[in-house]
Amino acid sequence: MKEYYERKRKEGKAYGVVLNAVKFKLVGRMFAVVKRGTPFVELMTYKK
């Protein structure tokens, strides 16, 4: 998440916009963990 945050900030995005994007990603991951009943495993690596 830190890399994602830093990449978006370097793109010139405002602090609040980036913070909301990070929150949205985290909520989506938490929902998936609860729905599936399994621990979070990051399967994809993103271009840095």
C-alpha atoms as a PDB file:
ATOM      1  CA  MET A   1       0.000   0.000   0.000  1.00  0.00           C
ATOM      2  CA  LYS A   2       2.829   2.380   0.775  1.00  0.00           C
ATOM      3  CA  GLU A   3       4.210   2.011  -2.738  1.00  0.00           C
ATOM      4  CA  TYR A   4       0.760   2.664  -4.200  1.00  0.00           C
ATOM      5  CA  TYR A   5       0.362   5.769  -2.034  1.00  0.00           C
ATOM      6  CA  GLU A   6       3.773   7.125  -2.986  1.00  0.00           C
ATOM      7  CA  ARG A   7       3.230   6.418  -6.692  1.00  0.00           C
ATOM      8  CA  LYS A   8      -0.086   8.278  -6.701  1.00  0.00           C
ATOM      9  CA  ARG A   9       1.437  11.240  -4.838  1.00  0.00           C
ATOM     10  CA  LYS A  10       4.258  11.413  -7.388  1.00  0.00           C
ATOM     11  CA  GLU A  11       1.595  11.488 -10.113  1.00  0.00           C
ATOM     12  CA  GLY A  12       0.461  14.756  -8.571  1.00  0.00           C
ATOM     13  CA  LYS A  13      -2.692  13.516  -6.885  1.00  0.00           C
ATOM     14  CA  ALA A  14      -3.870  15.456  -3.842  1.00  0.00           C
ATOM     15  CA  TYR A  15      -3.390  13.949  -0.375  1.00  0.00           C
ATOM     16  CA  GLY A  16      -7.117  13.446   0.223  1.00  0.00           C
ATOM     17  CA  VAL A  17      -7.698  11.836  -3.162  1.00  0.00           C
ATOM     18  CA  VAL A  18      -4.886   9.361  -2.596  1.00  0.00           C
ATOM     19  CA  LEU A  19      -6.025   8.658   0.956  1.00  0.00           C
ATOM     20  CA  ASN A  20      -9.538   7.833  -0.266  1.00  0.00           C
ATOM     21  CA  ALA A  21      -8.138   5.522  -2.947  1.00  0.00           C
ATOM     22  CA  VAL A  22      -6.059   3.675  -0.337  1.00  0.00           C
ATOM     23  CA  LYS A  23      -9.071   3.387   1.985  1.00  0.00           C
ATOM     24  CA  PHE A  24     -11.173   2.008  -0.868  1.00  0.00           C
ATOM     25  CA  LYS A  25      -8.533  -0.639  -1.629  1.00  0.00           C
ATOM     26  CA  LEU A  26      -8.293  -1.661   2.033  1.00  0.00           C
ATOM     27  CA  VAL A  27     -12.065  -1.906   2.471  1.00  0.00           C
ATOM     28  CA  GLY A  28     -12.305  -4.060  -0.653  1.00  0.00           C
ATOM     29  CA  ARG A  29      -9.635  -6.399   0.653  1.00  0.00           C
ATOM     30  CA  MET A  30     -11.271  -6.626   4.082  1.00  0.00           C
ATOM     31  CA  PHE A  31     -14.657  -7.375   2.521  1.00  0.00           C
ATOM     32  CA  ALA A  32     -13.130 -10.148   0.400  1.00  0.00           C
ATOM     33  CA  VAL A  33     -11.477 -11.715   3.458  1.00  0.00           C
ATOM     34  CA  VAL A  34     -14.745 -11.700   5.410  1.00  0.00           C
ATOM     35  CA  LYS A  35     -16.805 -12.949   2.469  1.00  0.00           C
ATOM     36  CA  ARG A  36     -14.438 -15.801   1.610  1.00  0.00           C
ATOM     37  CA  GLY A  37     -13.531 -16.635   5.188  1.00  0.00           C
ATOM     38  CA  THR A  38      -9.864 -16.974   4.275  1.00  0.00           C
ATOM     39  CA  PRO A  39      -6.784 -14.908   5.132  1.00  0.00           C
ATOM     40  CA  PHE A  40      -5.602 -12.260   2.696  1.00  0.00           C
ATOM     41  CA  VAL A  41      -3.017 -13.437   0.191  1.00  0.00           C
ATOM     42  CA  GLU A  42      -1.647 -10.969  -2.335  1.00  0.00           C
ATOM     43  CA  LEU A  43      -1.604 -12.829  -5.638  1.00  0.00           C
ATOM     44  CA  MET A  44      -0.770 -10.007  -8.005  1.00  0.00           C
ATOM     45  CA  THR A  45       2.252  -7.764  -8.057  1.00  0.00           C
ATOM     46  CA  TYR A  46       1.846  -4.378  -9.606  1.00  0.00           C
ATOM     47  CA  LYS A  47       4.167  -2.417 -11.805  1.00  0.00           C
ATOM     48  CA  LYS A  48       6.195   0.025  -9.743  1.00  0.00           C
END
